[in-house]
Amino acid sequence: LTADLLRAVWSADNTAILHNGWNKRVLR
């Protein structure tokens, strides 16, 4: 829960978060 991390993740499109049935894609 740091502002910089949240901005980094949410600056990308939704596929960085959920894509091809995988959530937390960027973290994985």
mmCIF file of all heavy atoms, coordinates in Angstrom:
data_MODEL
# 
_entry.id   MODEL 
# 
loop_
_atom_site.group_PDB 
_atom_site.id 
_atom_site.type_symbol 
_atom_site.label_atom_id 
_atom_site.label_alt_id 
_atom_site.label_comp_id 
_atom_site.label_asym_id 
_atom_site.label_entity_id 
_atom_site.label_seq_id 
_atom_site.pdbx_PDB_ins_code 
_atom_site.Cartn_x 
_atom_site.Cartn_y 
_atom_site.Cartn_z 
_atom_site.occupancy 
_atom_site.B_iso_or_equiv 
_atom_site.pdbx_formal_charge 
_atom_site.auth_seq_id 
_atom_site.auth_comp_id 
_atom_site.auth_asym_id 
_atom_site.auth_atom_id 
_atom_site.pdbx_PDB_model_num 
ATOM 1   N N   . LEU A 1 1  ? 0.819  -1.207  0.000   1.00 0.00 ? 1  LEU A N   1 
ATOM 2   C CA  . LEU A 1 1  ? 0.000  0.000   0.000   1.00 0.00 ? 1  LEU A CA  1 
ATOM 3   C C   . LEU A 1 1  ? 0.854  1.259   0.000   1.00 0.00 ? 1  LEU A C   1 
ATOM 4   O O   . LEU A 1 1  ? 0.826  2.067   0.922   1.00 0.00 ? 1  LEU A O   1 
ATOM 5   C CB  . LEU A 1 1  ? -0.953 -0.017  1.190   1.00 0.00 ? 1  LEU A CB  1 
ATOM 6   C CG  . LEU A 1 1  ? -2.035 -1.089  1.113   1.00 0.00 ? 1  LEU A CG  1 
ATOM 7   C CD1 . LEU A 1 1  ? -2.870 -1.112  2.377   1.00 0.00 ? 1  LEU A CD1 1 
ATOM 8   C CD2 . LEU A 1 1  ? -2.917 -0.866  -0.108  1.00 0.00 ? 1  LEU A CD2 1 
ATOM 9   N N   . THR A 1 2  ? 1.639  1.418   -1.045  1.00 0.00 ? 2  THR A N   1 
ATOM 10  C CA  . THR A 1 2  ? 2.395  2.650   -1.253  1.00 0.00 ? 2  THR A CA  1 
ATOM 11  C C   . THR A 1 2  ? 1.862  3.317   -2.509  1.00 0.00 ? 2  THR A C   1 
ATOM 12  O O   . THR A 1 2  ? 1.517  2.650   -3.490  1.00 0.00 ? 2  THR A O   1 
ATOM 13  C CB  . THR A 1 2  ? 3.902  2.381   -1.411  1.00 0.00 ? 2  THR A CB  1 
ATOM 14  O OG1 . THR A 1 2  ? 4.104  1.570   -2.580  1.00 0.00 ? 2  THR A OG1 1 
ATOM 15  C CG2 . THR A 1 2  ? 4.454  1.630   -0.202  1.00 0.00 ? 2  THR A CG2 1 
ATOM 16  N N   . ALA A 1 3  ? 1.802  4.641   -2.475  1.00 0.00 ? 3  ALA A N   1 
ATOM 17  C CA  . ALA A 1 3  ? 1.218  5.382   -3.595  1.00 0.00 ? 3  ALA A CA  1 
ATOM 18  C C   . ALA A 1 3  ? 1.966  5.122   -4.899  1.00 0.00 ? 3  ALA A C   1 
ATOM 19  O O   . ALA A 1 3  ? 1.354  4.975   -5.964  1.00 0.00 ? 3  ALA A O   1 
ATOM 20  C CB  . ALA A 1 3  ? 1.202  6.882   -3.279  1.00 0.00 ? 3  ALA A CB  1 
ATOM 21  N N   . ASP A 1 4  ? 3.298  5.055   -4.832  1.00 0.00 ? 4  ASP A N   1 
ATOM 22  C CA  . ASP A 1 4  ? 4.077  4.849   -6.055  1.00 0.00 ? 4  ASP A CA  1 
ATOM 23  C C   . ASP A 1 4  ? 3.781  3.499   -6.695  1.00 0.00 ? 4  ASP A C   1 
ATOM 24  O O   . ASP A 1 4  ? 3.704  3.388   -7.923  1.00 0.00 ? 4  ASP A O   1 
ATOM 25  C CB  . ASP A 1 4  ? 5.576  4.971   -5.756  1.00 0.00 ? 4  ASP A CB  1 
ATOM 26  C CG  . ASP A 1 4  ? 5.998  6.406   -5.496  1.00 0.00 ? 4  ASP A CG  1 
ATOM 27  O OD1 . ASP A 1 4  ? 5.221  7.317   -5.842  1.00 0.00 ? 4  ASP A OD1 1 
ATOM 28  O OD2 . ASP A 1 4  ? 7.096  6.610   -4.940  1.00 0.00 ? 4  ASP A OD2 1 
ATOM 29  N N   . LEU A 1 5  ? 3.643  2.473   -5.871  1.00 0.00 ? 5  LEU A N   1 
ATOM 30  C CA  . LEU A 1 5  ? 3.354  1.143   -6.410  1.00 0.00 ? 5  LEU A CA  1 
ATOM 31  C C   . LEU A 1 5  ? 1.965  1.113   -7.050  1.00 0.00 ? 5  LEU A C   1 
ATOM 32  O O   . LEU A 1 5  ? 1.779  0.560   -8.137  1.00 0.00 ? 5  LEU A O   1 
ATOM 33  C CB  . LEU A 1 5  ? 3.462  0.086   -5.315  1.00 0.00 ? 5  LEU A CB  1 
ATOM 34  C CG  . LEU A 1 5  ? 3.201  -1.362  -5.748  1.00 0.00 ? 5  LEU A CG  1 
ATOM 35  C CD1 . LEU A 1 5  ? 4.144  -1.769  -6.885  1.00 0.00 ? 5  LEU A CD1 1 
ATOM 36  C CD2 . LEU A 1 5  ? 3.343  -2.308  -4.569  1.00 0.00 ? 5  LEU A CD2 1 
ATOM 37  N N   . LEU A 1 6  ? 1.007  1.727   -6.374  1.00 0.00 ? 6  LEU A N   1 
ATOM 38  C CA  . LEU A 1 6  ? -0.351 1.773   -6.920  1.00 0.00 ? 6  LEU A CA  1 
ATOM 39  C C   . LEU A 1 6  ? -0.369 2.512   -8.262  1.00 0.00 ? 6  LEU A C   1 
ATOM 40  O O   . LEU A 1 6  ? -0.983 2.057   -9.228  1.00 0.00 ? 6  LEU A O   1 
ATOM 41  C CB  . LEU A 1 6  ? -1.293 2.459   -5.934  1.00 0.00 ? 6  LEU A CB  1 
ATOM 42  C CG  . LEU A 1 6  ? -2.751 2.598   -6.377  1.00 0.00 ? 6  LEU A CG  1 
ATOM 43  C CD1 . LEU A 1 6  ? -3.366 1.232   -6.612  1.00 0.00 ? 6  LEU A CD1 1 
ATOM 44  C CD2 . LEU A 1 6  ? -3.559 3.377   -5.352  1.00 0.00 ? 6  LEU A CD2 1 
ATOM 45  N N   . ARG A 1 7  ? 0.322  3.644   -8.335  1.00 0.00 ? 7  ARG A N   1 
ATOM 46  C CA  . ARG A 1 7  ? 0.372  4.396   -9.593  1.00 0.00 ? 7  ARG A CA  1 
ATOM 47  C C   . ARG A 1 7  ? 1.033  3.573   -10.694 1.00 0.00 ? 7  ARG A C   1 
ATOM 48  O O   . ARG A 1 7  ? 0.610  3.602   -11.842 1.00 0.00 ? 7  ARG A O   1 
ATOM 49  C CB  . ARG A 1 7  ? 1.146  5.702   -9.395  1.00 0.00 ? 7  ARG A CB  1 
ATOM 50  C CG  . ARG A 1 7  ? 0.448  6.727   -8.514  1.00 0.00 ? 7  ARG A CG  1 
ATOM 51  C CD  . ARG A 1 7  ? 1.160  8.082   -8.584  1.00 0.00 ? 7  ARG A CD  1 
ATOM 52  N NE  . ARG A 1 7  ? 0.618  9.000   -7.597  1.00 0.00 ? 7  ARG A NE  1 
ATOM 53  C CZ  . ARG A 1 7  ? 1.197  9.281   -6.434  1.00 0.00 ? 7  ARG A CZ  1 
ATOM 54  N NH1 . ARG A 1 7  ? 2.354  8.701   -6.112  1.00 0.00 ? 7  ARG A NH1 1 
ATOM 55  N NH2 . ARG A 1 7  ? 0.645  10.129  -5.605  1.00 0.00 ? 7  ARG A NH2 1 
ATOM 56  N N   . ALA A 1 8  ? 2.093  2.849   -10.336 1.00 0.00 ? 8  ALA A N   1 
ATOM 57  C CA  . ALA A 1 8  ? 2.814  2.061   -11.338 1.00 0.00 ? 8  ALA A CA  1 
ATOM 58  C C   . ALA A 1 8  ? 1.924  0.968   -11.918 1.00 0.00 ? 8  ALA A C   1 
ATOM 59  O O   . ALA A 1 8  ? 1.897  0.740   -13.130 1.00 0.00 ? 8  ALA A O   1 
ATOM 60  C CB  . ALA A 1 8  ? 4.069  1.451   -10.722 1.00 0.00 ? 8  ALA A CB  1 
ATOM 61  N N   . VAL A 1 9  ? 1.171  0.284   -11.052 1.00 0.00 ? 9  VAL A N   1 
ATOM 62  C CA  . VAL A 1 9  ? 0.309  -0.806  -11.514 1.00 0.00 ? 9  VAL A CA  1 
ATOM 63  C C   . VAL A 1 9  ? -0.865 -0.260  -12.321 1.00 0.00 ? 9  VAL A C   1 
ATOM 64  O O   . VAL A 1 9  ? -1.180 -0.750  -13.407 1.00 0.00 ? 9  VAL A O   1 
ATOM 65  C CB  . VAL A 1 9  ? -0.194 -1.646  -10.315 1.00 0.00 ? 9  VAL A CB  1 
ATOM 66  C CG1 . VAL A 1 9  ? -1.218 -2.678  -10.782 1.00 0.00 ? 9  VAL A CG1 1 
ATOM 67  C CG2 . VAL A 1 9  ? 0.976  -2.348  -9.636  1.00 0.00 ? 9  VAL A CG2 1 
ATOM 68  N N   . TRP A 1 10 ? -1.510 0.781   -11.821 1.00 0.00 ? 10 TRP A N   1 
ATOM 69  C CA  . TRP A 1 10 ? -2.716 1.289   -12.464 1.00 0.00 ? 10 TRP A CA  1 
ATOM 70  C C   . TRP A 1 10 ? -2.433 2.197   -13.660 1.00 0.00 ? 10 TRP A C   1 
ATOM 71  O O   . TRP A 1 10 ? -3.357 2.585   -14.376 1.00 0.00 ? 10 TRP A O   1 
ATOM 72  C CB  . TRP A 1 10 ? -3.584 2.015   -11.449 1.00 0.00 ? 10 TRP A CB  1 
ATOM 73  C CG  . TRP A 1 10 ? -4.324 1.052   -10.565 1.00 0.00 ? 10 TRP A CG  1 
ATOM 74  C CD1 . TRP A 1 10 ? -4.153 -0.298  -10.493 1.00 0.00 ? 10 TRP A CD1 1 
ATOM 75  C CD2 . TRP A 1 10 ? -5.338 1.371   -9.624  1.00 0.00 ? 10 TRP A CD2 1 
ATOM 76  N NE1 . TRP A 1 10 ? -4.993 -0.836  -9.567  1.00 0.00 ? 10 TRP A NE1 1 
ATOM 77  C CE2 . TRP A 1 10 ? -5.737 0.149   -9.011  1.00 0.00 ? 10 TRP A CE2 1 
ATOM 78  C CE3 . TRP A 1 10 ? -5.949 2.553   -9.220  1.00 0.00 ? 10 TRP A CE3 1 
ATOM 79  C CZ2 . TRP A 1 10 ? -6.720 0.105   -8.034  1.00 0.00 ? 10 TRP A CZ2 1 
ATOM 80  C CZ3 . TRP A 1 10 ? -6.927 2.507   -8.247  1.00 0.00 ? 10 TRP A CZ3 1 
ATOM 81  C CH2 . TRP A 1 10 ? -7.314 1.296   -7.659  1.00 0.00 ? 10 TRP A CH2 1 
ATOM 82  N N   . SER A 1 11 ? -1.168 2.545   -13.885 1.00 0.00 ? 11 SER A N   1 
ATOM 83  C CA  . SER A 1 11 ? -0.844 3.318   -15.092 1.00 0.00 ? 11 SER A CA  1 
ATOM 84  C C   . SER A 1 11 ? -0.884 2.433   -16.331 1.00 0.00 ? 11 SER A C   1 
ATOM 85  O O   . SER A 1 11 ? -1.013 2.928   -17.455 1.00 0.00 ? 11 SER A O   1 
ATOM 86  C CB  . SER A 1 11 ? 0.544  3.952   -14.952 1.00 0.00 ? 11 SER A CB  1 
ATOM 87  O OG  . SER A 1 11 ? 1.555  2.949   -14.869 1.00 0.00 ? 11 SER A OG  1 
ATOM 88  N N   . ALA A 1 12 ? -0.769 1.131   -16.149 1.00 0.00 ? 12 ALA A N   1 
ATOM 89  C CA  . ALA A 1 12 ? -0.875 0.185   -17.266 1.00 0.00 ? 12 ALA A CA  1 
ATOM 90  C C   . ALA A 1 12 ? -2.353 -0.133  -17.513 1.00 0.00 ? 12 ALA A C   1 
ATOM 91  O O   . ALA A 1 12 ? -3.220 0.178   -16.697 1.00 0.00 ? 12 ALA A O   1 
ATOM 92  C CB  . ALA A 1 12 ? -0.109 -1.089  -16.945 1.00 0.00 ? 12 ALA A CB  1 
ATOM 93  N N   . ASP A 1 13 ? -2.635 -0.768  -18.648 1.00 0.00 ? 13 ASP A N   1 
ATOM 94  C CA  . ASP A 1 13 ? -4.033 -1.115  -18.913 1.00 0.00 ? 13 ASP A CA  1 
ATOM 95  C C   . ASP A 1 13 ? -4.422 -2.345  -18.097 1.00 0.00 ? 13 ASP A C   1 
ATOM 96  O O   . ASP A 1 13 ? -3.605 -2.939  -17.400 1.00 0.00 ? 13 ASP A O   1 
ATOM 97  C CB  . ASP A 1 13 ? -4.288 -1.314  -20.412 1.00 0.00 ? 13 ASP A CB  1 
ATOM 98  C CG  . ASP A 1 13 ? -3.503 -2.486  -20.995 1.00 0.00 ? 13 ASP A CG  1 
ATOM 99  O OD1 . ASP A 1 13 ? -3.307 -3.498  -20.301 1.00 0.00 ? 13 ASP A OD1 1 
ATOM 100 O OD2 . ASP A 1 13 ? -3.087 -2.384  -22.164 1.00 0.00 ? 13 ASP A OD2 1 
ATOM 101 N N   . ASN A 1 14 ? -5.687 -2.718  -18.218 1.00 0.00 ? 14 ASN A N   1 
ATOM 102 C CA  . ASN A 1 14 ? -6.223 -3.786  -17.370 1.00 0.00 ? 14 ASN A CA  1 
ATOM 103 C C   . ASN A 1 14 ? -5.532 -5.130  -17.550 1.00 0.00 ? 14 ASN A C   1 
ATOM 104 O O   . ASN A 1 14 ? -5.590 -5.980  -16.663 1.00 0.00 ? 14 ASN A O   1 
ATOM 105 C CB  . ASN A 1 14 ? -7.720 -3.952  -17.632 1.00 0.00 ? 14 ASN A CB  1 
ATOM 106 C CG  . ASN A 1 14 ? -8.544 -2.824  -17.038 1.00 0.00 ? 14 ASN A CG  1 
ATOM 107 O OD1 . ASN A 1 14 ? -7.999 -1.904  -16.436 1.00 0.00 ? 14 ASN A OD1 1 
ATOM 108 N ND2 . ASN A 1 14 ? -9.854 -2.893  -17.213 1.00 0.00 ? 14 ASN A ND2 1 
ATOM 109 N N   . THR A 1 15 ? -4.884 -5.338  -18.686 1.00 0.00 ? 15 THR A N   1 
ATOM 110 C CA  . THR A 1 15 ? -4.240 -6.632  -18.914 1.00 0.00 ? 15 THR A CA  1 
ATOM 111 C C   . THR A 1 15 ? -3.053 -6.857  -17.993 1.00 0.00 ? 15 THR A C   1 
ATOM 112 O O   . THR A 1 15 ? -2.608 -7.992  -17.825 1.00 0.00 ? 15 THR A O   1 
ATOM 113 C CB  . THR A 1 15 ? -3.790 -6.777  -20.381 1.00 0.00 ? 15 THR A CB  1 
ATOM 114 O OG1 . THR A 1 15 ? -2.865 -5.719  -20.701 1.00 0.00 ? 15 THR A OG1 1 
ATOM 115 C CG2 . THR A 1 15 ? -4.980 -6.720  -21.321 1.00 0.00 ? 15 THR A CG2 1 
ATOM 116 N N   . ALA A 1 16 ? -2.525 -5.802  -17.386 1.00 0.00 ? 16 ALA A N   1 
ATOM 117 C CA  . ALA A 1 16 ? -1.460 -5.968  -16.397 1.00 0.00 ? 16 ALA A CA  1 
ATOM 118 C C   . ALA A 1 16 ? -2.009 -6.539  -15.098 1.00 0.00 ? 16 ALA A C   1 
ATOM 119 O O   . ALA A 1 16 ? -1.269 -7.092  -14.280 1.00 0.00 ? 16 ALA A O   1 
ATOM 120 C CB  . ALA A 1 16 ? -0.767 -4.632  -16.130 1.00 0.00 ? 16 ALA A CB  1 
ATOM 121 N N   . ILE A 1 17 ? -3.315 -6.402  -14.916 1.00 0.00 ? 17 ILE A N   1 
ATOM 122 C CA  . ILE A 1 17 ? -3.974 -6.849  -13.694 1.00 0.00 ? 17 ILE A CA  1 
ATOM 123 C C   . ILE A 1 17 ? -4.655 -8.200  -13.903 1.00 0.00 ? 17 ILE A C   1 
ATOM 124 O O   . ILE A 1 17 ? -4.485 -9.121  -13.103 1.00 0.00 ? 17 ILE A O   1 
ATOM 125 C CB  . ILE A 1 17 ? -4.996 -5.795  -13.225 1.00 0.00 ? 17 ILE A CB  1 
ATOM 126 C CG1 . ILE A 1 17 ? -4.276 -4.472  -12.909 1.00 0.00 ? 17 ILE A CG1 1 
ATOM 127 C CG2 . ILE A 1 17 ? -5.774 -6.284  -12.012 1.00 0.00 ? 17 ILE A CG2 1 
ATOM 128 C CD1 . ILE A 1 17 ? -5.215 -3.312  -12.637 1.00 0.00 ? 17 ILE A CD1 1 
ATOM 129 N N   . LEU A 1 18 ? -5.420 -8.317  -14.981 1.00 0.00 ? 18 LEU A N   1 
ATOM 130 C CA  . LEU A 1 18 ? -6.189 -9.544  -15.226 1.00 0.00 ? 18 LEU A CA  1 
ATOM 131 C C   . LEU A 1 18 ? -6.191 -9.818  -16.723 1.00 0.00 ? 18 LEU A C   1 
ATOM 132 O O   . LEU A 1 18 ? -6.665 -9.002  -17.516 1.00 0.00 ? 18 LEU A O   1 
ATOM 133 C CB  . LEU A 1 18 ? -7.623 -9.345  -14.722 1.00 0.00 ? 18 LEU A CB  1 
ATOM 134 C CG  . LEU A 1 18 ? -8.316 -10.545 -14.063 1.00 0.00 ? 18 LEU A CG  1 
ATOM 135 C CD1 . LEU A 1 18 ? -9.598 -10.114 -13.374 1.00 0.00 ? 18 LEU A CD1 1 
ATOM 136 C CD2 . LEU A 1 18 ? -8.594 -11.650 -15.045 1.00 0.00 ? 18 LEU A CD2 1 
ATOM 137 N N   . HIS A 1 19 ? -5.651 -10.982 -17.105 1.00 0.00 ? 19 HIS A N   1 
ATOM 138 C CA  . HIS A 1 19 ? -5.514 -11.271 -18.534 1.00 0.00 ? 19 HIS A CA  1 
ATOM 139 C C   . HIS A 1 19 ? -5.412 -12.776 -18.751 1.00 0.00 ? 19 HIS A C   1 
ATOM 140 O O   . HIS A 1 19 ? -4.707 -13.481 -18.020 1.00 0.00 ? 19 HIS A O   1 
ATOM 141 C CB  . HIS A 1 19 ? -4.258 -10.584 -19.085 1.00 0.00 ? 19 HIS A CB  1 
ATOM 142 C CG  . HIS A 1 19 ? -4.080 -10.734 -20.568 1.00 0.00 ? 19 HIS A CG  1 
ATOM 143 N ND1 . HIS A 1 19 ? -5.002 -10.297 -21.485 1.00 0.00 ? 19 HIS A ND1 1 
ATOM 144 C CD2 . HIS A 1 19 ? -3.065 -11.290 -21.289 1.00 0.00 ? 19 HIS A CD2 1 
ATOM 145 C CE1 . HIS A 1 19 ? -4.574 -10.557 -22.709 1.00 0.00 ? 19 HIS A CE1 1 
ATOM 146 N NE2 . HIS A 1 19 ? -3.395 -11.173 -22.620 1.00 0.00 ? 19 HIS A NE2 1 
ATOM 147 N N   . ASN A 1 20 ? -6.150 -13.269 -19.734 1.00 0.00 ? 20 ASN A N   1 
ATOM 148 C CA  . ASN A 1 20 ? -6.129 -14.693 -20.077 1.00 0.00 ? 20 ASN A CA  1 
ATOM 149 C C   . ASN A 1 20 ? -6.412 -15.596 -18.871 1.00 0.00 ? 20 ASN A C   1 
ATOM 150 O O   . ASN A 1 20 ? -5.820 -16.670 -18.721 1.00 0.00 ? 20 ASN A O   1 
ATOM 151 C CB  . ASN A 1 20 ? -4.794 -15.081 -20.718 1.00 0.00 ? 20 ASN A CB  1 
ATOM 152 C CG  . ASN A 1 20 ? -4.709 -14.648 -22.178 1.00 0.00 ? 20 ASN A CG  1 
ATOM 153 O OD1 . ASN A 1 20 ? -5.727 -14.429 -22.835 1.00 0.00 ? 20 ASN A OD1 1 
ATOM 154 N ND2 . ASN A 1 20 ? -3.493 -14.514 -22.687 1.00 0.00 ? 20 ASN A ND2 1 
ATOM 155 N N   . GLY A 1 21 ? -7.324 -15.140 -18.017 1.00 0.00 ? 21 GLY A N   1 
ATOM 156 C CA  . GLY A 1 21 ? -7.718 -15.946 -16.872 1.00 0.00 ? 21 GLY A CA  1 
ATOM 157 C C   . GLY A 1 21 ? -6.792 -15.873 -15.675 1.00 0.00 ? 21 GLY A C   1 
ATOM 158 O O   . GLY A 1 21 ? -6.984 -16.601 -14.705 1.00 0.00 ? 21 GLY A O   1 
ATOM 159 N N   . TRP A 1 22 ? -5.784 -15.002 -15.728 1.00 0.00 ? 22 TRP A N   1 
ATOM 160 C CA  . TRP A 1 22 ? -4.839 -14.870 -14.618 1.00 0.00 ? 22 TRP A CA  1 
ATOM 161 C C   . TRP A 1 22 ? -4.972 -13.493 -13.981 1.00 0.00 ? 22 TRP A C   1 
ATOM 162 O O   . TRP A 1 22 ? -4.808 -12.486 -14.649 1.00 0.00 ? 22 TRP A O   1 
ATOM 163 C CB  . TRP A 1 22 ? -3.397 -15.071 -15.100 1.00 0.00 ? 22 TRP A CB  1 
ATOM 164 C CG  . TRP A 1 22 ? -3.100 -16.485 -15.474 1.00 0.00 ? 22 TRP A CG  1 
ATOM 165 C CD1 . TRP A 1 22 ? -3.094 -17.014 -16.726 1.00 0.00 ? 22 TRP A CD1 1 
ATOM 166 C CD2 . TRP A 1 22 ? -2.769 -17.544 -14.576 1.00 0.00 ? 22 TRP A CD2 1 
ATOM 167 N NE1 . TRP A 1 22 ? -2.785 -18.355 -16.681 1.00 0.00 ? 22 TRP A NE1 1 
ATOM 168 C CE2 . TRP A 1 22 ? -2.577 -18.708 -15.367 1.00 0.00 ? 22 TRP A CE2 1 
ATOM 169 C CE3 . TRP A 1 22 ? -2.619 -17.643 -13.200 1.00 0.00 ? 22 TRP A CE3 1 
ATOM 170 C CZ2 . TRP A 1 22 ? -2.246 -19.939 -14.806 1.00 0.00 ? 22 TRP A CZ2 1 
ATOM 171 C CZ3 . TRP A 1 22 ? -2.291 -18.876 -12.646 1.00 0.00 ? 22 TRP A CZ3 1 
ATOM 172 C CH2 . TRP A 1 22 ? -2.107 -20.004 -13.441 1.00 0.00 ? 22 TRP A CH2 1 
ATOM 173 N N   . ASN A 1 23 ? -5.268 -13.474 -12.685 1.00 0.00 ? 23 ASN A N   1 
ATOM 174 C CA  . ASN A 1 23 ? -5.262 -12.198 -11.981 1.00 0.00 ? 23 ASN A CA  1 
ATOM 175 C C   . ASN A 1 23 ? -3.860 -11.895 -11.461 1.00 0.00 ? 23 ASN A C   1 
ATOM 176 O O   . ASN A 1 23 ? -2.954 -12.732 -11.560 1.00 0.00 ? 23 ASN A O   1 
ATOM 177 C CB  . ASN A 1 23 ? -6.285 -12.199 -10.841 1.00 0.00 ? 23 ASN A CB  1 
ATOM 178 C CG  . ASN A 1 23 ? -5.957 -13.222 -9.759  1.00 0.00 ? 23 ASN A CG  1 
ATOM 179 O OD1 . ASN A 1 23 ? -5.031 -14.019 -9.877  1.00 0.00 ? 23 ASN A OD1 1 
ATOM 180 N ND2 . ASN A 1 23 ? -6.740 -13.213 -8.699  1.00 0.00 ? 23 ASN A ND2 1 
ATOM 181 N N   . LYS A 1 24 ? -3.658 -10.686 -10.966 1.00 0.00 ? 24 LYS A N   1 
ATOM 182 C CA  . LYS A 1 24 ? -2.346 -10.257 -10.457 1.00 0.00 ? 24 LYS A CA  1 
ATOM 183 C C   . LYS A 1 24 ? -1.243 -10.553 -11.475 1.00 0.00 ? 24 LYS A C   1 
ATOM 184 O O   . LYS A 1 24 ? -0.131 -10.963 -11.108 1.00 0.00 ? 24 LYS A O   1 
ATOM 185 C CB  . LYS A 1 24 ? -2.023 -10.931 -9.121  1.00 0.00 ? 24 LYS A CB  1 
ATOM 186 C CG  . LYS A 1 24 ? -3.043 -10.648 -8.034  1.00 0.00 ? 24 LYS A CG  1 
ATOM 187 C CD  . LYS A 1 24 ? -2.637 -11.277 -6.723  1.00 0.00 ? 24 LYS A CD  1 
ATOM 188 C CE  . LYS A 1 24 ? -3.681 -11.024 -5.648  1.00 0.00 ? 24 LYS A CE  1 
ATOM 189 N NZ  . LYS A 1 24 ? -3.348 -11.648 -4.371  1.00 0.00 ? 24 LYS A NZ  1 
ATOM 190 N N   . ARG A 1 25 ? -1.557 -10.352 -12.738 1.00 0.00 ? 25 ARG A N   1 
ATOM 191 C CA  . ARG A 1 25 ? -0.651 -10.807 -13.797 1.00 0.00 ? 25 ARG A CA  1 
ATOM 192 C C   . ARG A 1 25 ? 0.752  -10.226 -13.657 1.00 0.00 ? 25 ARG A C   1 
ATOM 193 O O   . ARG A 1 25 ? 1.754  -10.937 -13.777 1.00 0.00 ? 25 ARG A O   1 
ATOM 194 C CB  . ARG A 1 25 ? -1.237 -10.423 -15.159 1.00 0.00 ? 25 ARG A CB  1 
ATOM 195 C CG  . ARG A 1 25 ? -0.382 -10.901 -16.324 1.00 0.00 ? 25 ARG A CG  1 
ATOM 196 C CD  . ARG A 1 25 ? -0.850 -10.308 -17.620 1.00 0.00 ? 25 ARG A CD  1 
ATOM 197 N NE  . ARG A 1 25 ? 0.072  -10.624 -18.709 1.00 0.00 ? 25 ARG A NE  1 
ATOM 198 C CZ  . ARG A 1 25 ? 0.184  -9.893  -19.801 1.00 0.00 ? 25 ARG A CZ  1 
ATOM 199 N NH1 . ARG A 1 25 ? -0.546 -8.805  -19.946 1.00 0.00 ? 25 ARG A NH1 1 
ATOM 200 N NH2 . ARG A 1 25 ? 1.029  -10.240 -20.749 1.00 0.00 ? 25 ARG A NH2 1 
ATOM 201 N N   . VAL A 1 26 ? 0.846  -8.914  -13.396 1.00 0.00 ? 26 VAL A N   1 
ATOM 202 C CA  . VAL A 1 26 ? 2.167  -8.287  -13.335 1.00 0.00 ? 26 VAL A CA  1 
ATOM 203 C C   . VAL A 1 26 ? 2.968  -8.842  -12.154 1.00 0.00 ? 26 VAL A C   1 
ATOM 204 O O   . VAL A 1 26 ? 4.183  -9.054  -12.254 1.00 0.00 ? 26 VAL A O   1 
ATOM 205 C CB  . VAL A 1 26 ? 2.037  -6.747  -13.264 1.00 0.00 ? 26 VAL A CB  1 
ATOM 206 C CG1 . VAL A 1 26 ? 1.341  -6.301  -11.988 1.00 0.00 ? 26 VAL A CG1 1 
ATOM 207 C CG2 . VAL A 1 26 ? 3.393  -6.086  -13.386 1.00 0.00 ? 26 VAL A CG2 1 
ATOM 208 N N   . LEU A 1 27 ? 2.299  -9.105  -11.038 1.00 0.00 ? 27 LEU A N   1 
ATOM 209 C CA  . LEU A 1 27 ? 2.993  -9.651  -9.871  1.00 0.00 ? 27 LEU A CA  1 
ATOM 210 C C   . LEU A 1 27 ? 3.445  -11.085 -10.132 1.00 0.00 ? 27 LEU A C   1 
ATOM 211 O O   . LEU A 1 27 ? 4.552  -11.481 -9.736  1.00 0.00 ? 27 LEU A O   1 
ATOM 212 C CB  . LEU A 1 27 ? 2.079  -9.601  -8.649  1.00 0.00 ? 27 LEU A CB  1 
ATOM 213 C CG  . LEU A 1 27 ? 2.699  -10.044 -7.319  1.00 0.00 ? 27 LEU A CG  1 
ATOM 214 C CD1 . LEU A 1 27 ? 3.913  -9.190  -6.968  1.00 0.00 ? 27 LEU A CD1 1 
ATOM 215 C CD2 . LEU A 1 27 ? 1.657  -9.992  -6.202  1.00 0.00 ? 27 LEU A CD2 1 
ATOM 216 N N   . ARG A 1 28 ? 2.626  -11.844 -10.805 1.00 0.00 ? 28 ARG A N   1 
ATOM 217 C CA  . ARG A 1 28 ? 3.018  -13.213 -11.140 1.00 0.00 ? 28 ARG A CA  1 
ATOM 218 C C   . ARG A 1 28 ? 4.239  -13.221 -12.064 1.00 0.00 ? 28 ARG A C   1 
ATOM 219 O O   . ARG A 1 28 ? 5.135  -14.071 -11.924 1.00 0.00 ? 28 ARG A O   1 
ATOM 220 C CB  . ARG A 1 28 ? 1.854  -13.946 -11.811 1.00 0.00 ? 28 ARG A CB  1 
ATOM 221 C CG  . ARG A 1 28 ? 0.669  -14.209 -10.905 1.00 0.00 ? 28 ARG A CG  1 
ATOM 222 C CD  . ARG A 1 28 ? -0.425 -14.962 -11.647 1.00 0.00 ? 28 ARG A CD  1 
ATOM 223 N NE  . ARG A 1 28 ? -1.665 -15.022 -10.878 1.00 0.00 ? 28 ARG A NE  1 
ATOM 224 C CZ  . ARG A 1 28 ? -1.945 -15.925 -9.949  1.00 0.00 ? 28 ARG A CZ  1 
ATOM 225 N NH1 . ARG A 1 28 ? -1.054 -16.870 -9.667  1.00 0.00 ? 28 ARG A NH1 1 
ATOM 226 N NH2 . ARG A 1 28 ? -3.104 -15.910 -9.308  1.00 0.00 ? 28 ARG A NH2 1 
# 
